[in-house]
Structure formats: structure tokens, C-alpha cells
N, C-alpha and C. Protein backbone atom coordinates (compact mmCIF):
# COMPACT_ATOMS: atom_id res chain seq x y z
N UNK A 1 -1.39 8.64 4.42
CA UNK A 1 -0.92 8.81 3.06
C UNK A 1 0.43 9.55 3.08
N UNK A 2 1.37 9.10 2.25
CA UNK A 2 2.70 9.70 2.21
C UNK A 2 2.65 11.06 1.50
N UNK A 3 3.52 11.99 1.92
CA UNK A 3 3.62 13.25 1.18
C UNK A 3 4.08 12.99 -0.25
N UNK A 4 3.65 13.78 -1.19
CA UNK A 4 3.94 13.59 -2.62
C UNK A 4 5.43 13.50 -2.90
N UNK A 5 6.26 14.28 -2.24
CA UNK A 5 7.70 14.28 -2.50
C UNK A 5 8.36 12.95 -2.14
N UNK A 6 7.73 12.16 -1.28
CA UNK A 6 8.29 10.88 -0.84
C UNK A 6 7.68 9.69 -1.58
N UNK A 7 6.82 9.92 -2.57
CA UNK A 7 6.09 8.82 -3.19
C UNK A 7 6.99 7.84 -3.93
N UNK A 8 8.17 8.26 -4.38
CA UNK A 8 9.08 7.36 -5.09
C UNK A 8 10.35 7.06 -4.31
N UNK A 9 10.33 7.28 -3.00
CA UNK A 9 11.48 6.93 -2.16
C UNK A 9 11.37 5.45 -1.82
N UNK A 10 12.45 4.70 -2.04
CA UNK A 10 12.46 3.26 -1.80
C UNK A 10 13.64 2.89 -0.92
N UNK A 11 13.55 1.73 -0.26
CA UNK A 11 14.65 1.20 0.55
C UNK A 11 15.35 0.10 -0.24
N UNK A 12 16.65 -0.04 -0.03
CA UNK A 12 17.39 -1.16 -0.60
C UNK A 12 17.14 -2.39 0.28
N UNK A 13 17.00 -3.55 -0.34
CA UNK A 13 16.80 -4.79 0.41
C UNK A 13 17.83 -5.82 -0.04
N UNK A 14 18.31 -6.59 0.92
CA UNK A 14 19.31 -7.63 0.65
C UNK A 14 18.65 -8.77 -0.11
N UNK A 15 19.39 -9.33 -1.06
CA UNK A 15 18.85 -10.40 -1.90
C UNK A 15 19.76 -11.61 -1.87
N UNK A 16 19.18 -12.80 -1.89
CA UNK A 16 19.96 -14.03 -1.97
C UNK A 16 20.90 -14.21 -0.80
N UNK A 17 22.15 -14.55 -1.11
CA UNK A 17 23.16 -14.84 -0.08
C UNK A 17 23.79 -13.57 0.49
N UNK A 18 23.23 -12.42 0.20
CA UNK A 18 23.74 -11.18 0.77
C UNK A 18 24.77 -10.48 -0.09
N UNK A 19 25.00 -10.96 -1.32
CA UNK A 19 25.99 -10.34 -2.18
C UNK A 19 25.36 -9.31 -3.12
N UNK A 20 24.04 -9.20 -3.09
CA UNK A 20 23.33 -8.25 -3.96
C UNK A 20 22.30 -7.48 -3.15
N UNK A 21 21.92 -6.33 -3.67
CA UNK A 21 20.87 -5.52 -3.08
C UNK A 21 19.86 -5.24 -4.17
N UNK A 22 18.62 -5.05 -3.79
CA UNK A 22 17.57 -4.78 -4.76
C UNK A 22 16.74 -3.58 -4.36
N UNK A 23 16.05 -3.01 -5.34
CA UNK A 23 15.13 -1.90 -5.09
C UNK A 23 13.89 -2.15 -5.94
N UNK A 24 12.73 -1.89 -5.41
CA UNK A 24 11.48 -2.06 -6.13
C UNK A 24 11.21 -0.79 -6.94
N UNK A 25 10.98 -0.97 -8.24
CA UNK A 25 10.68 0.17 -9.11
C UNK A 25 9.16 0.32 -9.18
N UNK A 26 8.63 1.52 -8.98
CA UNK A 26 7.18 1.71 -9.01
C UNK A 26 6.56 1.23 -10.33
N UNK A 27 5.40 0.57 -10.24
CA UNK A 27 4.75 -0.01 -11.41
C UNK A 27 4.39 1.03 -12.47
N UNK A 28 4.06 2.26 -12.05
CA UNK A 28 3.72 3.27 -13.05
C UNK A 28 4.92 3.62 -13.93
N UNK A 29 6.12 3.56 -13.38
CA UNK A 29 7.33 3.80 -14.17
C UNK A 29 7.57 2.63 -15.12
N UNK A 30 7.41 1.41 -14.63
CA UNK A 30 7.59 0.20 -15.46
C UNK A 30 6.61 0.23 -16.63
N UNK A 31 5.36 0.54 -16.37
CA UNK A 31 4.35 0.60 -17.43
C UNK A 31 4.65 1.70 -18.44
N UNK A 32 5.09 2.86 -17.97
CA UNK A 32 5.40 3.97 -18.87
C UNK A 32 6.55 3.61 -19.81
N UNK A 33 7.48 2.78 -19.34
CA UNK A 33 8.61 2.35 -20.16
C UNK A 33 8.27 1.17 -21.06
N UNK A 34 7.13 0.54 -20.80
CA UNK A 34 6.72 -0.63 -21.59
C UNK A 34 7.51 -1.88 -21.24
N UNK A 35 8.08 -1.93 -20.03
CA UNK A 35 8.86 -3.08 -19.61
C UNK A 35 7.94 -4.19 -19.12
N UNK A 36 8.45 -5.44 -19.17
CA UNK A 36 7.69 -6.61 -18.76
C UNK A 36 8.47 -7.40 -17.71
N UNK A 37 7.76 -8.27 -17.00
CA UNK A 37 8.39 -9.14 -16.01
C UNK A 37 9.46 -10.00 -16.67
N UNK A 38 10.59 -10.16 -16.01
CA UNK A 38 11.73 -10.98 -16.45
C UNK A 38 12.47 -10.39 -17.65
N UNK A 39 12.17 -9.17 -18.03
CA UNK A 39 12.90 -8.50 -19.11
C UNK A 39 14.31 -8.21 -18.62
N UNK A 40 15.28 -8.34 -19.51
CA UNK A 40 16.66 -8.05 -19.14
C UNK A 40 16.89 -6.54 -19.21
N UNK A 41 17.58 -6.04 -18.19
CA UNK A 41 17.94 -4.62 -18.14
C UNK A 41 19.43 -4.50 -17.85
N UNK A 42 19.99 -3.39 -18.19
CA UNK A 42 21.41 -3.11 -17.97
C UNK A 42 21.51 -2.10 -16.83
N UNK A 43 22.39 -2.35 -15.87
CA UNK A 43 22.59 -1.47 -14.73
C UNK A 43 24.00 -0.89 -14.82
N UNK A 44 24.09 0.45 -14.87
CA UNK A 44 25.36 1.14 -15.07
C UNK A 44 25.52 2.23 -14.01
N UNK A 45 26.72 2.34 -13.46
CA UNK A 45 27.02 3.43 -12.54
C UNK A 45 27.58 4.59 -13.34
N UNK A 46 27.00 5.77 -13.16
CA UNK A 46 27.48 6.99 -13.81
C UNK A 46 27.70 8.03 -12.71
N UNK A 47 28.95 8.13 -12.27
CA UNK A 47 29.26 9.03 -11.16
C UNK A 47 28.59 8.54 -9.89
N UNK A 48 27.78 9.40 -9.28
CA UNK A 48 27.08 9.02 -8.05
C UNK A 48 25.67 8.51 -8.33
N UNK A 49 25.35 8.22 -9.58
CA UNK A 49 24.02 7.76 -9.96
C UNK A 49 24.06 6.34 -10.52
N UNK A 50 22.92 5.67 -10.47
CA UNK A 50 22.75 4.35 -11.08
C UNK A 50 21.71 4.49 -12.18
N UNK A 51 22.04 4.02 -13.37
CA UNK A 51 21.13 4.09 -14.51
C UNK A 51 20.69 2.67 -14.85
N UNK A 52 19.38 2.48 -14.97
CA UNK A 52 18.81 1.18 -15.38
C UNK A 52 18.16 1.40 -16.72
N UNK A 53 18.64 0.62 -17.72
CA UNK A 53 18.10 0.80 -19.07
C UNK A 53 17.84 -0.55 -19.72
N UNK A 54 17.01 -0.55 -20.74
CA UNK A 54 16.70 -1.77 -21.48
C UNK A 54 17.98 -2.36 -22.04
N UNK A 55 18.12 -3.68 -21.95
CA UNK A 55 19.29 -4.37 -22.49
C UNK A 55 19.03 -4.75 -23.94
N UNK A 56 19.84 -4.25 -24.82
CA UNK A 56 19.71 -4.57 -26.24
C UNK A 56 20.77 -5.60 -26.56
N UNK A 57 20.41 -6.89 -26.49
CA UNK A 57 21.37 -7.97 -26.68
C UNK A 57 21.42 -8.41 -28.03
């Protein structure tokens, strides 16, 4: 079993033709946000952080 401090540590994985990277978001976070499969999200860089938020189109 992983130590508690590492429970949300994830690795980046290459996607498609190698021009994108992906990260798996833990299901408990997805459920807490009420997000669904194939929902559109917005990805924004803020300084040294990446913010993923619901896309309001």
C-alpha cells in the first residue's frame, strides 16, 4: 500500500502521435466535482501550475 502523501502522485504519459501528454485524475476527485466522461474541460497554465476547470461554452 502506498504512503498517504503519495496517493495522488501521477505520471505523465505520452498520447497519440507524441505531441500531447496526459495524466489520470483520481476518480474521487472527478466524482466530487460532478464531472462526467467526455465532458469538456479547459486547461490553463498559471505560472508553474496547470489548472483544469469545467468549460463553459
